[in-house]
N, C-alpha and C. Protein backbone atom coordinates (compact mmCIF):
# COMPACT_ATOMS: atom_id res chain seq x y z
N MET A 1 40.93 -65.21 -16.77
CA MET A 1 40.05 -64.37 -15.96
C MET A 1 40.53 -62.93 -15.99
N SER A 2 39.63 -62.01 -16.33
CA SER A 2 40.02 -60.60 -16.40
C SER A 2 40.13 -60.01 -15.01
N GLN A 3 41.09 -59.12 -14.83
CA GLN A 3 41.29 -58.47 -13.55
C GLN A 3 40.37 -57.27 -13.39
N GLU A 4 40.02 -57.00 -12.13
CA GLU A 4 39.27 -55.79 -11.85
C GLU A 4 40.17 -54.58 -12.06
N PRO A 5 39.65 -53.51 -12.64
CA PRO A 5 40.46 -52.31 -12.81
C PRO A 5 40.86 -51.74 -11.45
N ILE A 6 42.03 -51.15 -11.39
CA ILE A 6 42.51 -50.54 -10.15
C ILE A 6 41.92 -49.13 -10.04
N VAL A 7 41.17 -48.90 -8.97
CA VAL A 7 40.53 -47.62 -8.74
C VAL A 7 41.19 -46.97 -7.54
N VAL A 8 41.76 -45.79 -7.74
CA VAL A 8 42.51 -45.10 -6.68
C VAL A 8 41.89 -43.73 -6.45
N TRP A 9 41.72 -43.35 -5.17
CA TRP A 9 41.21 -42.02 -4.84
C TRP A 9 42.32 -41.00 -5.02
N HIS A 10 42.05 -39.95 -5.79
CA HIS A 10 43.05 -38.93 -6.07
C HIS A 10 42.85 -37.72 -5.15
N GLN A 11 43.91 -37.31 -4.48
CA GLN A 11 43.87 -36.12 -3.65
C GLN A 11 44.07 -34.89 -4.54
N HIS A 12 43.28 -33.85 -4.29
CA HIS A 12 43.34 -32.65 -5.10
C HIS A 12 44.10 -31.54 -4.38
N SER A 13 44.55 -30.56 -5.13
CA SER A 13 45.33 -29.48 -4.55
C SER A 13 44.47 -28.55 -3.69
N VAL A 14 43.17 -28.45 -4.00
CA VAL A 14 42.25 -27.65 -3.19
C VAL A 14 41.58 -28.58 -2.18
N THR A 15 41.75 -28.30 -0.91
CA THR A 15 41.23 -29.16 0.14
C THR A 15 39.83 -28.74 0.57
N ARG A 16 39.22 -29.58 1.37
CA ARG A 16 37.91 -29.23 1.92
C ARG A 16 38.01 -27.98 2.77
N ALA A 17 39.07 -27.89 3.56
CA ALA A 17 39.26 -26.70 4.40
C ALA A 17 39.33 -25.44 3.55
N ASP A 18 39.97 -25.54 2.39
CA ASP A 18 40.03 -24.39 1.48
C ASP A 18 38.64 -23.98 1.01
N ARG A 19 37.84 -24.97 0.66
CA ARG A 19 36.49 -24.69 0.16
C ARG A 19 35.62 -24.09 1.26
N GLU A 20 35.73 -24.64 2.46
CA GLU A 20 34.91 -24.13 3.56
C GLU A 20 35.35 -22.73 3.99
N LYS A 21 36.64 -22.46 3.89
CA LYS A 21 37.12 -21.11 4.19
C LYS A 21 36.53 -20.11 3.21
N LEU A 22 36.48 -20.49 1.94
CA LEU A 22 35.91 -19.62 0.92
C LEU A 22 34.41 -19.42 1.15
N ALA A 23 33.73 -20.49 1.57
CA ALA A 23 32.28 -20.41 1.80
C ALA A 23 31.94 -19.66 3.08
N GLY A 24 32.83 -19.77 4.06
CA GLY A 24 32.57 -19.13 5.35
C GLY A 24 31.73 -19.97 6.29
N HIS A 25 31.59 -21.25 5.98
CA HIS A 25 30.83 -22.17 6.84
C HIS A 25 31.21 -23.60 6.50
N ARG A 26 30.80 -24.53 7.32
CA ARG A 26 31.06 -25.95 7.08
C ARG A 26 30.11 -26.52 6.02
N GLY A 27 30.54 -27.61 5.45
CA GLY A 27 29.64 -28.40 4.63
C GLY A 27 29.02 -29.49 5.49
N CYS A 28 27.80 -29.87 5.20
CA CYS A 28 27.15 -30.96 5.93
C CYS A 28 25.93 -31.42 5.15
N VAL A 29 25.29 -32.47 5.66
CA VAL A 29 24.07 -33.00 5.04
C VAL A 29 22.96 -33.01 6.08
N VAL A 30 21.87 -32.31 5.78
CA VAL A 30 20.68 -32.34 6.63
C VAL A 30 19.66 -33.24 5.94
N TRP A 31 19.42 -34.40 6.54
CA TRP A 31 18.62 -35.44 5.90
C TRP A 31 17.20 -35.44 6.46
N PHE A 32 16.26 -34.88 5.69
CA PHE A 32 14.86 -34.87 6.10
C PHE A 32 14.21 -36.20 5.72
N THR A 33 13.54 -36.82 6.67
CA THR A 33 12.87 -38.09 6.40
C THR A 33 11.48 -38.06 7.01
N GLY A 34 10.56 -38.80 6.42
CA GLY A 34 9.18 -38.85 6.90
C GLY A 34 8.29 -39.37 5.79
N LEU A 35 7.05 -39.60 6.12
CA LEU A 35 6.10 -40.13 5.16
C LEU A 35 5.86 -39.16 4.01
N SER A 36 5.36 -39.67 2.90
CA SER A 36 4.93 -38.83 1.81
C SER A 36 3.83 -37.91 2.30
N GLY A 37 3.95 -36.61 2.05
CA GLY A 37 2.97 -35.65 2.51
C GLY A 37 3.23 -35.13 3.90
N SER A 38 4.36 -35.52 4.49
CA SER A 38 4.67 -35.08 5.86
C SER A 38 5.11 -33.62 5.91
N GLY A 39 5.58 -33.10 4.77
CA GLY A 39 6.05 -31.72 4.73
C GLY A 39 7.56 -31.60 4.60
N LYS A 40 8.23 -32.71 4.33
CA LYS A 40 9.70 -32.71 4.21
C LYS A 40 10.20 -31.68 3.22
N SER A 41 9.71 -31.75 2.00
CA SER A 41 10.20 -30.86 0.95
C SER A 41 9.88 -29.41 1.25
N THR A 42 8.69 -29.17 1.81
CA THR A 42 8.28 -27.80 2.12
C THR A 42 9.18 -27.19 3.19
N VAL A 43 9.44 -27.95 4.25
CA VAL A 43 10.31 -27.46 5.31
C VAL A 43 11.74 -27.29 4.80
N ALA A 44 12.23 -28.28 4.06
CA ALA A 44 13.60 -28.20 3.52
C ALA A 44 13.76 -26.98 2.64
N SER A 45 12.75 -26.69 1.82
CA SER A 45 12.80 -25.52 0.95
C SER A 45 12.83 -24.23 1.76
N ALA A 46 12.07 -24.19 2.84
CA ALA A 46 12.05 -23.01 3.69
C ALA A 46 13.39 -22.83 4.40
N VAL A 47 13.99 -23.93 4.82
CA VAL A 47 15.32 -23.87 5.44
C VAL A 47 16.34 -23.34 4.45
N GLU A 48 16.28 -23.84 3.22
CA GLU A 48 17.23 -23.39 2.21
C GLU A 48 17.09 -21.89 1.96
N ALA A 49 15.85 -21.40 1.93
CA ALA A 49 15.62 -19.97 1.70
C ALA A 49 16.24 -19.14 2.83
N LEU A 50 16.08 -19.58 4.07
CA LEU A 50 16.65 -18.86 5.20
C LEU A 50 18.17 -18.85 5.14
N LEU A 51 18.75 -20.01 4.84
CA LEU A 51 20.21 -20.10 4.78
C LEU A 51 20.77 -19.29 3.62
N ASN A 52 20.12 -19.40 2.47
CA ASN A 52 20.57 -18.66 1.29
C ASN A 52 20.54 -17.16 1.54
N ALA A 53 19.50 -16.70 2.23
CA ALA A 53 19.36 -15.27 2.51
C ALA A 53 20.47 -14.76 3.42
N SER A 54 21.07 -15.67 4.20
CA SER A 54 22.15 -15.28 5.10
C SER A 54 23.53 -15.57 4.52
N GLY A 55 23.57 -15.94 3.23
CA GLY A 55 24.84 -16.12 2.55
C GLY A 55 25.43 -17.50 2.62
N VAL A 56 24.64 -18.48 3.02
CA VAL A 56 25.14 -19.86 3.12
C VAL A 56 24.95 -20.56 1.77
N ARG A 57 25.97 -21.30 1.35
CA ARG A 57 25.89 -22.06 0.10
C ARG A 57 25.11 -23.35 0.35
N THR A 58 24.03 -23.52 -0.36
CA THR A 58 23.15 -24.66 -0.13
C THR A 58 22.78 -25.35 -1.44
N TYR A 59 22.26 -26.57 -1.29
CA TYR A 59 21.60 -27.23 -2.42
C TYR A 59 20.60 -28.22 -1.87
N LEU A 60 19.39 -28.19 -2.43
CA LEU A 60 18.32 -29.09 -1.99
C LEU A 60 18.16 -30.23 -2.99
N LEU A 61 18.40 -31.44 -2.50
CA LEU A 61 18.17 -32.65 -3.29
C LEU A 61 16.79 -33.18 -2.93
N ASP A 62 15.87 -33.09 -3.88
CA ASP A 62 14.48 -33.49 -3.65
C ASP A 62 14.19 -34.81 -4.33
N GLY A 63 13.39 -35.65 -3.68
CA GLY A 63 13.12 -36.98 -4.18
C GLY A 63 12.60 -37.02 -5.60
N ASP A 64 11.59 -36.22 -5.91
CA ASP A 64 11.01 -36.21 -7.25
C ASP A 64 12.00 -35.69 -8.29
N ASN A 65 12.74 -34.65 -7.94
CA ASN A 65 13.69 -34.08 -8.89
C ASN A 65 14.78 -35.07 -9.27
N VAL A 66 15.28 -35.78 -8.28
CA VAL A 66 16.35 -36.75 -8.54
C VAL A 66 15.86 -37.89 -9.41
N ARG A 67 14.59 -38.23 -9.29
CA ARG A 67 14.02 -39.31 -10.10
C ARG A 67 13.90 -38.92 -11.58
N HIS A 68 14.10 -37.66 -11.89
CA HIS A 68 14.07 -37.24 -13.29
C HIS A 68 15.38 -37.52 -14.01
N GLY A 69 16.46 -37.72 -13.26
CA GLY A 69 17.76 -37.87 -13.91
C GLY A 69 18.62 -38.94 -13.29
N LEU A 70 19.32 -38.59 -12.21
CA LEU A 70 20.27 -39.51 -11.58
C LEU A 70 19.65 -40.86 -11.26
N ASN A 71 18.46 -40.85 -10.68
CA ASN A 71 17.80 -42.10 -10.28
C ASN A 71 16.51 -42.31 -11.06
N ALA A 72 16.60 -42.09 -12.36
CA ALA A 72 15.43 -42.21 -13.23
C ALA A 72 14.85 -43.62 -13.20
N THR A 73 13.56 -43.71 -13.47
CA THR A 73 12.87 -45.00 -13.48
C THR A 73 13.26 -45.80 -14.73
N PRO A 74 13.04 -47.13 -14.69
CA PRO A 74 13.30 -47.94 -15.89
C PRO A 74 12.55 -47.44 -17.11
N GLN A 75 11.31 -46.97 -16.91
CA GLN A 75 10.51 -46.49 -18.03
C GLN A 75 11.12 -45.24 -18.67
N THR A 76 11.60 -44.33 -17.82
CA THR A 76 12.21 -43.10 -18.32
C THR A 76 13.46 -43.41 -19.14
N LEU A 77 14.31 -44.28 -18.60
CA LEU A 77 15.55 -44.61 -19.31
C LEU A 77 15.28 -45.45 -20.55
N ALA A 78 14.28 -46.29 -20.50
CA ALA A 78 13.94 -47.11 -21.68
C ALA A 78 13.53 -46.23 -22.84
N ALA A 79 12.80 -45.17 -22.55
CA ALA A 79 12.36 -44.26 -23.61
C ALA A 79 13.54 -43.55 -24.26
N LEU A 80 14.62 -43.38 -23.51
CA LEU A 80 15.79 -42.67 -24.03
C LEU A 80 16.83 -43.61 -24.64
N HIS A 81 17.02 -44.78 -24.00
CA HIS A 81 18.14 -45.65 -24.38
C HIS A 81 17.76 -47.10 -24.67
N GLY A 82 16.48 -47.43 -24.61
CA GLY A 82 16.06 -48.79 -24.91
C GLY A 82 15.71 -49.59 -23.66
N GLU A 83 14.95 -50.65 -23.86
CA GLU A 83 14.44 -51.46 -22.75
C GLU A 83 15.54 -52.09 -21.91
N ALA A 84 16.56 -52.65 -22.56
CA ALA A 84 17.62 -53.32 -21.81
C ALA A 84 18.36 -52.36 -20.89
N TYR A 85 18.64 -51.17 -21.42
CA TYR A 85 19.33 -50.15 -20.63
C TYR A 85 18.47 -49.74 -19.43
N GLY A 86 17.18 -49.52 -19.69
CA GLY A 86 16.28 -49.12 -18.62
C GLY A 86 16.17 -50.17 -17.53
N ALA A 87 16.09 -51.44 -17.95
CA ALA A 87 15.98 -52.52 -16.98
C ALA A 87 17.24 -52.64 -16.12
N ARG A 88 18.38 -52.36 -16.71
CA ARG A 88 19.65 -52.52 -15.99
C ARG A 88 19.94 -51.35 -15.04
N PHE A 89 19.68 -50.14 -15.48
CA PHE A 89 20.12 -48.98 -14.71
C PHE A 89 18.99 -48.19 -14.04
N GLY A 90 17.76 -48.41 -14.44
CA GLY A 90 16.65 -47.66 -13.87
C GLY A 90 16.29 -48.13 -12.47
N LEU A 91 15.69 -47.25 -11.68
CA LEU A 91 15.26 -47.58 -10.33
C LEU A 91 13.76 -47.40 -10.20
N GLY A 92 13.11 -48.47 -9.81
CA GLY A 92 11.68 -48.40 -9.53
C GLY A 92 11.46 -48.08 -8.06
N PHE A 93 10.41 -48.68 -7.47
CA PHE A 93 10.08 -48.38 -6.07
C PHE A 93 9.98 -49.64 -5.22
N ALA A 94 10.49 -50.75 -5.74
CA ALA A 94 10.57 -51.97 -4.94
C ALA A 94 11.62 -51.77 -3.84
N PRO A 95 11.60 -52.57 -2.79
CA PRO A 95 12.54 -52.38 -1.68
C PRO A 95 14.00 -52.28 -2.10
N GLU A 96 14.44 -53.14 -3.02
CA GLU A 96 15.85 -53.10 -3.43
C GLU A 96 16.17 -51.82 -4.22
N ASP A 97 15.19 -51.30 -4.94
CA ASP A 97 15.38 -50.05 -5.68
C ASP A 97 15.47 -48.87 -4.72
N ARG A 98 14.68 -48.90 -3.66
CA ARG A 98 14.71 -47.84 -2.67
C ARG A 98 16.08 -47.79 -1.97
N VAL A 99 16.63 -48.97 -1.71
CA VAL A 99 17.96 -49.05 -1.08
C VAL A 99 19.01 -48.38 -1.96
N GLU A 100 19.01 -48.71 -3.24
CA GLU A 100 19.99 -48.13 -4.16
C GLU A 100 19.74 -46.64 -4.37
N ASN A 101 18.48 -46.24 -4.38
CA ASN A 101 18.14 -44.82 -4.51
C ASN A 101 18.80 -44.01 -3.39
N ILE A 102 18.68 -44.48 -2.16
CA ILE A 102 19.25 -43.76 -1.03
C ILE A 102 20.77 -43.85 -1.02
N ARG A 103 21.31 -44.97 -1.44
CA ARG A 103 22.78 -45.10 -1.49
C ARG A 103 23.36 -44.07 -2.45
N ARG A 104 22.77 -43.94 -3.63
CA ARG A 104 23.27 -42.98 -4.61
C ARG A 104 23.16 -41.55 -4.08
N ILE A 105 22.03 -41.24 -3.48
CA ILE A 105 21.83 -39.90 -2.95
C ILE A 105 22.85 -39.61 -1.86
N GLY A 106 23.10 -40.59 -1.01
CA GLY A 106 24.09 -40.42 0.04
C GLY A 106 25.46 -40.10 -0.50
N GLU A 107 25.86 -40.78 -1.57
CA GLU A 107 27.17 -40.54 -2.17
C GLU A 107 27.26 -39.16 -2.80
N VAL A 108 26.19 -38.75 -3.48
CA VAL A 108 26.16 -37.41 -4.07
C VAL A 108 26.22 -36.35 -2.98
N ALA A 109 25.43 -36.53 -1.93
CA ALA A 109 25.40 -35.56 -0.83
C ALA A 109 26.76 -35.47 -0.16
N LYS A 110 27.44 -36.59 -0.03
CA LYS A 110 28.77 -36.60 0.59
C LYS A 110 29.76 -35.76 -0.23
N LEU A 111 29.74 -35.91 -1.53
CA LEU A 111 30.61 -35.12 -2.40
C LEU A 111 30.30 -33.63 -2.27
N MET A 112 29.03 -33.30 -2.20
CA MET A 112 28.65 -31.89 -2.12
C MET A 112 29.02 -31.30 -0.76
N ALA A 113 28.91 -32.08 0.30
CA ALA A 113 29.34 -31.61 1.61
C ALA A 113 30.85 -31.37 1.62
N ASP A 114 31.58 -32.23 0.93
CA ASP A 114 33.03 -32.07 0.82
C ASP A 114 33.38 -30.79 0.06
N ALA A 115 32.46 -30.36 -0.79
CA ALA A 115 32.66 -29.12 -1.53
C ALA A 115 32.33 -27.88 -0.70
N GLY A 116 31.91 -28.09 0.56
CA GLY A 116 31.60 -26.98 1.44
C GLY A 116 30.18 -26.49 1.36
N VAL A 117 29.30 -27.33 0.84
CA VAL A 117 27.90 -26.96 0.67
C VAL A 117 27.06 -27.57 1.80
N VAL A 118 26.08 -26.82 2.28
CA VAL A 118 25.09 -27.38 3.19
C VAL A 118 24.02 -28.04 2.32
N VAL A 119 23.99 -29.36 2.33
CA VAL A 119 23.10 -30.12 1.47
C VAL A 119 21.84 -30.50 2.25
N LEU A 120 20.69 -30.19 1.70
CA LEU A 120 19.41 -30.57 2.28
C LEU A 120 18.80 -31.65 1.42
N THR A 121 18.41 -32.76 2.01
CA THR A 121 17.79 -33.83 1.23
C THR A 121 16.39 -34.07 1.75
N ALA A 122 15.45 -34.30 0.86
CA ALA A 122 14.06 -34.55 1.24
C ALA A 122 13.59 -35.83 0.55
N PHE A 123 13.72 -36.93 1.27
CA PHE A 123 13.35 -38.25 0.75
C PHE A 123 12.58 -39.01 1.81
N VAL A 124 11.61 -39.79 1.40
CA VAL A 124 10.93 -40.66 2.36
C VAL A 124 11.97 -41.52 3.07
N SER A 125 12.89 -42.08 2.30
CA SER A 125 13.96 -42.95 2.84
C SER A 125 13.43 -43.82 3.97
N PRO A 126 12.57 -44.78 3.65
CA PRO A 126 11.79 -45.47 4.68
C PRO A 126 12.57 -46.42 5.58
N TYR A 127 13.74 -46.87 5.13
CA TYR A 127 14.44 -47.91 5.88
C TYR A 127 15.56 -47.33 6.74
N ARG A 128 15.51 -47.64 8.04
CA ARG A 128 16.46 -47.10 9.00
C ARG A 128 17.90 -47.48 8.64
N ALA A 129 18.11 -48.70 8.19
CA ALA A 129 19.47 -49.16 7.87
C ALA A 129 20.09 -48.32 6.75
N ASP A 130 19.29 -47.90 5.79
CA ASP A 130 19.80 -47.10 4.67
C ASP A 130 20.23 -45.72 5.16
N ARG A 131 19.41 -45.11 6.02
CA ARG A 131 19.77 -43.80 6.57
C ARG A 131 21.00 -43.89 7.47
N ASP A 132 21.06 -44.97 8.24
CA ASP A 132 22.22 -45.16 9.12
C ASP A 132 23.49 -45.37 8.31
N ALA A 133 23.37 -46.00 7.15
CA ALA A 133 24.54 -46.21 6.28
C ALA A 133 25.06 -44.87 5.76
N VAL A 134 24.14 -43.96 5.42
CA VAL A 134 24.55 -42.63 4.98
C VAL A 134 25.21 -41.88 6.14
N ARG A 135 24.64 -41.99 7.33
CA ARG A 135 25.23 -41.37 8.52
C ARG A 135 26.68 -41.85 8.71
N GLN A 136 26.88 -43.16 8.61
CA GLN A 136 28.22 -43.72 8.79
C GLN A 136 29.18 -43.22 7.71
N ALA A 137 28.70 -43.17 6.46
CA ALA A 137 29.55 -42.71 5.36
C ALA A 137 29.97 -41.26 5.54
N LEU A 138 29.16 -40.49 6.28
CA LEU A 138 29.46 -39.08 6.50
C LEU A 138 30.13 -38.83 7.85
N GLY A 139 30.62 -39.89 8.46
CA GLY A 139 31.39 -39.76 9.68
C GLY A 139 30.57 -39.58 10.94
N GLY A 140 29.27 -39.86 10.87
CA GLY A 140 28.41 -39.75 12.04
C GLY A 140 27.68 -38.42 12.10
N GLY A 141 27.00 -38.22 13.22
CA GLY A 141 26.21 -37.01 13.40
C GLY A 141 27.04 -35.78 13.71
N LEU A 142 26.41 -34.63 13.61
CA LEU A 142 27.12 -33.36 13.83
C LEU A 142 27.74 -33.30 15.22
N ALA A 143 27.03 -33.79 16.23
CA ALA A 143 27.52 -33.73 17.61
C ALA A 143 28.77 -34.58 17.80
N ALA A 144 28.94 -35.59 16.95
CA ALA A 144 30.10 -36.47 17.05
C ALA A 144 31.22 -36.03 16.12
N GLY A 145 31.07 -34.86 15.51
CA GLY A 145 32.09 -34.36 14.60
C GLY A 145 31.90 -34.78 13.16
N GLY A 146 30.79 -35.48 12.87
CA GLY A 146 30.51 -35.89 11.50
C GLY A 146 29.75 -34.83 10.73
N ASP A 147 29.26 -35.21 9.57
CA ASP A 147 28.61 -34.26 8.66
C ASP A 147 27.12 -34.53 8.47
N PHE A 148 26.53 -35.34 9.33
CA PHE A 148 25.16 -35.81 9.07
C PHE A 148 24.22 -35.34 10.17
N ALA A 149 23.06 -34.83 9.78
CA ALA A 149 22.00 -34.49 10.72
C ALA A 149 20.68 -35.03 10.19
N GLU A 150 20.08 -35.91 10.93
CA GLU A 150 18.81 -36.52 10.53
C GLU A 150 17.66 -35.73 11.15
N VAL A 151 16.76 -35.27 10.30
CA VAL A 151 15.60 -34.50 10.77
C VAL A 151 14.34 -35.30 10.42
N PHE A 152 13.67 -35.76 11.46
CA PHE A 152 12.47 -36.57 11.28
C PHE A 152 11.24 -35.67 11.30
N VAL A 153 10.57 -35.56 10.16
CA VAL A 153 9.32 -34.80 10.08
C VAL A 153 8.21 -35.77 10.47
N ASP A 154 7.85 -35.71 11.73
CA ASP A 154 6.95 -36.70 12.33
C ASP A 154 5.50 -36.26 12.19
N THR A 155 4.94 -36.55 11.03
CA THR A 155 3.55 -36.20 10.75
C THR A 155 2.73 -37.48 10.70
N PRO A 156 1.64 -37.58 11.47
CA PRO A 156 0.83 -38.81 11.49
C PRO A 156 0.34 -39.20 10.09
N LEU A 157 0.21 -40.50 9.88
CA LEU A 157 -0.24 -41.01 8.59
C LEU A 157 -1.57 -40.41 8.18
N GLU A 158 -2.50 -40.27 9.13
CA GLU A 158 -3.82 -39.76 8.77
C GLU A 158 -3.75 -38.31 8.29
N VAL A 159 -2.81 -37.54 8.83
CA VAL A 159 -2.63 -36.16 8.37
C VAL A 159 -2.04 -36.15 6.96
N CYS A 160 -1.00 -36.98 6.76
CA CYS A 160 -0.38 -37.07 5.42
C CYS A 160 -1.39 -37.51 4.38
N GLU A 161 -2.22 -38.48 4.75
CA GLU A 161 -3.20 -39.01 3.80
C GLU A 161 -4.29 -37.99 3.52
N SER A 162 -4.63 -37.17 4.50
CA SER A 162 -5.65 -36.14 4.28
C SER A 162 -5.15 -35.05 3.36
N ARG A 163 -3.81 -34.81 3.39
CA ARG A 163 -3.23 -33.82 2.48
C ARG A 163 -3.16 -34.39 1.07
N ASP A 164 -2.50 -35.52 0.93
CA ASP A 164 -2.37 -36.27 -0.33
C ASP A 164 -2.24 -35.35 -1.55
N PRO A 165 -1.20 -34.49 -1.61
CA PRO A 165 -1.10 -33.48 -2.67
C PRO A 165 -1.00 -34.07 -4.08
N LYS A 166 -0.48 -35.29 -4.19
CA LYS A 166 -0.32 -35.90 -5.52
C LYS A 166 -1.35 -36.99 -5.78
N GLY A 167 -2.24 -37.22 -4.82
CA GLY A 167 -3.23 -38.29 -4.99
C GLY A 167 -2.65 -39.68 -4.87
N LEU A 168 -1.46 -39.79 -4.28
CA LEU A 168 -0.77 -41.09 -4.21
C LEU A 168 -1.41 -42.03 -3.21
N TYR A 169 -1.84 -41.50 -2.08
CA TYR A 169 -2.48 -42.36 -1.07
C TYR A 169 -3.78 -42.94 -1.62
N LYS A 170 -4.52 -42.12 -2.32
CA LYS A 170 -5.78 -42.59 -2.90
C LYS A 170 -5.51 -43.73 -3.88
N LYS A 171 -4.47 -43.58 -4.70
CA LYS A 171 -4.13 -44.64 -5.66
C LYS A 171 -3.63 -45.88 -4.95
N ALA A 172 -2.84 -45.68 -3.87
CA ALA A 172 -2.32 -46.83 -3.12
C ALA A 172 -3.46 -47.60 -2.45
N ARG A 173 -4.41 -46.88 -1.88
CA ARG A 173 -5.56 -47.52 -1.26
C ARG A 173 -6.39 -48.30 -2.27
N ALA A 174 -6.38 -47.81 -3.51
CA ALA A 174 -7.14 -48.48 -4.58
C ALA A 174 -6.35 -49.61 -5.22
N GLY A 175 -5.11 -49.81 -4.77
CA GLY A 175 -4.29 -50.88 -5.32
C GLY A 175 -3.61 -50.54 -6.63
N GLN A 176 -3.65 -49.25 -7.01
CA GLN A 176 -3.05 -48.84 -8.28
C GLN A 176 -1.54 -48.59 -8.14
N ILE A 177 -1.08 -48.40 -6.91
CA ILE A 177 0.35 -48.23 -6.64
C ILE A 177 0.77 -49.28 -5.62
N LYS A 178 1.79 -50.04 -5.93
CA LYS A 178 2.30 -51.06 -5.03
C LYS A 178 3.54 -50.53 -4.31
N HIS A 179 3.86 -51.14 -3.16
CA HIS A 179 5.03 -50.79 -2.36
C HIS A 179 5.00 -49.32 -1.94
N PHE A 180 3.81 -48.83 -1.56
CA PHE A 180 3.71 -47.44 -1.14
C PHE A 180 3.91 -47.34 0.36
N THR A 181 4.87 -46.53 0.76
CA THR A 181 5.24 -46.43 2.17
C THR A 181 4.07 -45.94 3.02
N GLY A 182 3.83 -46.67 4.10
CA GLY A 182 2.75 -46.33 5.02
C GLY A 182 1.47 -47.08 4.73
N ILE A 183 1.35 -47.63 3.51
CA ILE A 183 0.14 -48.38 3.13
C ILE A 183 0.47 -49.86 3.03
N ASP A 184 1.28 -50.25 2.06
CA ASP A 184 1.65 -51.66 1.95
C ASP A 184 3.16 -51.86 1.98
N ASP A 185 3.89 -50.84 2.43
CA ASP A 185 5.33 -50.96 2.64
C ASP A 185 5.64 -50.19 3.93
N PRO A 186 6.57 -50.68 4.73
CA PRO A 186 6.77 -50.07 6.06
C PRO A 186 7.58 -48.78 6.01
N TYR A 187 7.37 -47.95 7.03
CA TYR A 187 8.25 -46.82 7.30
C TYR A 187 8.87 -47.04 8.67
N GLU A 188 10.20 -47.00 8.74
CA GLU A 188 10.91 -47.21 9.99
C GLU A 188 11.42 -45.87 10.51
N PRO A 189 10.78 -45.31 11.54
CA PRO A 189 11.19 -43.99 12.04
C PRO A 189 12.59 -44.04 12.62
N PRO A 190 13.30 -42.91 12.61
CA PRO A 190 14.66 -42.86 13.16
C PRO A 190 14.67 -43.22 14.64
N ALA A 191 15.75 -43.89 15.06
CA ALA A 191 15.91 -44.23 16.48
C ALA A 191 16.42 -43.05 17.28
N SER A 192 17.39 -42.32 16.71
CA SER A 192 17.99 -41.19 17.43
C SER A 192 18.29 -40.04 16.47
N PRO A 193 17.26 -39.40 15.95
CA PRO A 193 17.50 -38.30 15.01
C PRO A 193 18.05 -37.08 15.74
N GLU A 194 18.74 -36.22 14.99
CA GLU A 194 19.23 -34.98 15.58
C GLU A 194 18.09 -34.03 15.93
N LEU A 195 17.00 -34.14 15.18
CA LEU A 195 15.87 -33.22 15.41
C LEU A 195 14.58 -33.89 14.98
N VAL A 196 13.54 -33.72 15.79
CA VAL A 196 12.20 -34.20 15.44
C VAL A 196 11.29 -32.99 15.27
N LEU A 197 10.61 -32.91 14.14
CA LEU A 197 9.68 -31.83 13.87
C LEU A 197 8.27 -32.40 13.83
N ALA A 198 7.38 -31.80 14.61
CA ALA A 198 5.99 -32.26 14.64
C ALA A 198 5.24 -31.63 13.47
N GLY A 199 5.25 -32.31 12.35
CA GLY A 199 4.59 -31.79 11.17
C GLY A 199 3.10 -31.63 11.39
N GLY A 200 2.56 -30.50 10.95
CA GLY A 200 1.13 -30.26 11.11
C GLY A 200 0.77 -29.53 12.38
N GLU A 201 1.72 -29.41 13.32
CA GLU A 201 1.44 -28.75 14.60
C GLU A 201 2.04 -27.35 14.68
N GLU A 202 3.08 -27.09 13.88
CA GLU A 202 3.72 -25.77 13.87
C GLU A 202 3.75 -25.24 12.44
N SER A 203 3.95 -23.95 12.31
CA SER A 203 4.04 -23.35 10.98
C SER A 203 5.34 -23.79 10.31
N ILE A 204 5.35 -23.75 8.99
CA ILE A 204 6.55 -24.10 8.24
C ILE A 204 7.71 -23.18 8.64
N GLU A 205 7.41 -21.90 8.83
CA GLU A 205 8.45 -20.94 9.22
C GLU A 205 9.07 -21.32 10.56
N SER A 206 8.24 -21.73 11.50
CA SER A 206 8.73 -22.12 12.82
C SER A 206 9.59 -23.37 12.74
N LEU A 207 9.15 -24.35 11.98
CA LEU A 207 9.91 -25.58 11.82
C LEU A 207 11.25 -25.31 11.15
N ALA A 208 11.25 -24.46 10.13
CA ALA A 208 12.48 -24.13 9.41
C ALA A 208 13.48 -23.44 10.33
N LYS A 209 12.99 -22.55 11.17
CA LYS A 209 13.87 -21.84 12.09
C LYS A 209 14.51 -22.80 13.09
N ARG A 210 13.79 -23.83 13.48
CA ARG A 210 14.35 -24.82 14.40
C ARG A 210 15.51 -25.57 13.76
N VAL A 211 15.39 -25.84 12.47
CA VAL A 211 16.48 -26.53 11.77
C VAL A 211 17.71 -25.62 11.67
N VAL A 212 17.49 -24.36 11.34
CA VAL A 212 18.60 -23.42 11.24
C VAL A 212 19.27 -23.25 12.60
N GLU A 213 18.48 -23.21 13.66
CA GLU A 213 19.04 -23.09 15.01
C GLU A 213 19.92 -24.31 15.34
N MET A 214 19.48 -25.48 14.93
CA MET A 214 20.28 -26.69 15.13
C MET A 214 21.64 -26.56 14.46
N LEU A 215 21.65 -26.03 13.23
CA LEU A 215 22.91 -25.87 12.51
C LEU A 215 23.80 -24.83 13.16
N CYS A 216 23.20 -23.79 13.71
CA CYS A 216 23.98 -22.78 14.43
C CYS A 216 24.61 -23.36 15.68
N GLU A 217 23.83 -24.12 16.44
CA GLU A 217 24.33 -24.71 17.67
C GLU A 217 25.45 -25.71 17.40
N ALA A 218 25.39 -26.37 16.24
CA ALA A 218 26.41 -27.35 15.88
C ALA A 218 27.66 -26.69 15.30
N GLY A 219 27.59 -25.37 15.09
CA GLY A 219 28.74 -24.65 14.54
C GLY A 219 28.91 -24.80 13.04
N VAL A 220 27.86 -25.25 12.36
CA VAL A 220 27.93 -25.40 10.90
C VAL A 220 27.89 -24.03 10.24
N VAL A 221 26.97 -23.19 10.71
CA VAL A 221 26.82 -21.83 10.17
C VAL A 221 26.84 -20.85 11.35
N ARG A 222 27.12 -19.59 11.05
CA ARG A 222 27.10 -18.57 12.08
C ARG A 222 25.68 -18.06 12.29
N ARG A 223 25.43 -17.56 13.48
CA ARG A 223 24.10 -16.99 13.78
C ARG A 223 23.91 -15.70 12.99
């Protein structure tokens, strides 16, 4: 029987404190969650613009962008490396694929926060347990001294469906897309998010400012 390789975490000479001192602010993860079309990506992008303009080091991890590479679909990888490779490493949209999608994003975001970056993520991330697992991996919420802030973009399904910027709801209603959140797959809203944004009721600028204010109050960035 072959032994498992020994994997050891290596400590580096440059610490997180060193990186944050250079950046002039803390690293953390702001996790935007909500239905497709709720405005997650739009608000996250506006928050990043505000933070960047004030000298904060940021990076926005967007659901669609990540699906082009790190969490590519089986079809994408099959075209590059063959069917077997795509089937083994690609992620579709079935429940188990969604779980792994969020796990990978959480690990990447954790590394970037350790680098002193304010990481903004915009993913439907429909399952509460998956988001809570990322929260735990990041040491809990900002108020508890951790690196995680969950922002729930609470936009009603009918509003999201009326926007339907990619035509996904229309396809889901027609049965052309399976496992679509809000139609034939559940969305589990956060139990205790750090911030709730009423999508569709306030301007994007107003919502973005509320997120930045949250980070200021938590001591992540300076006013």
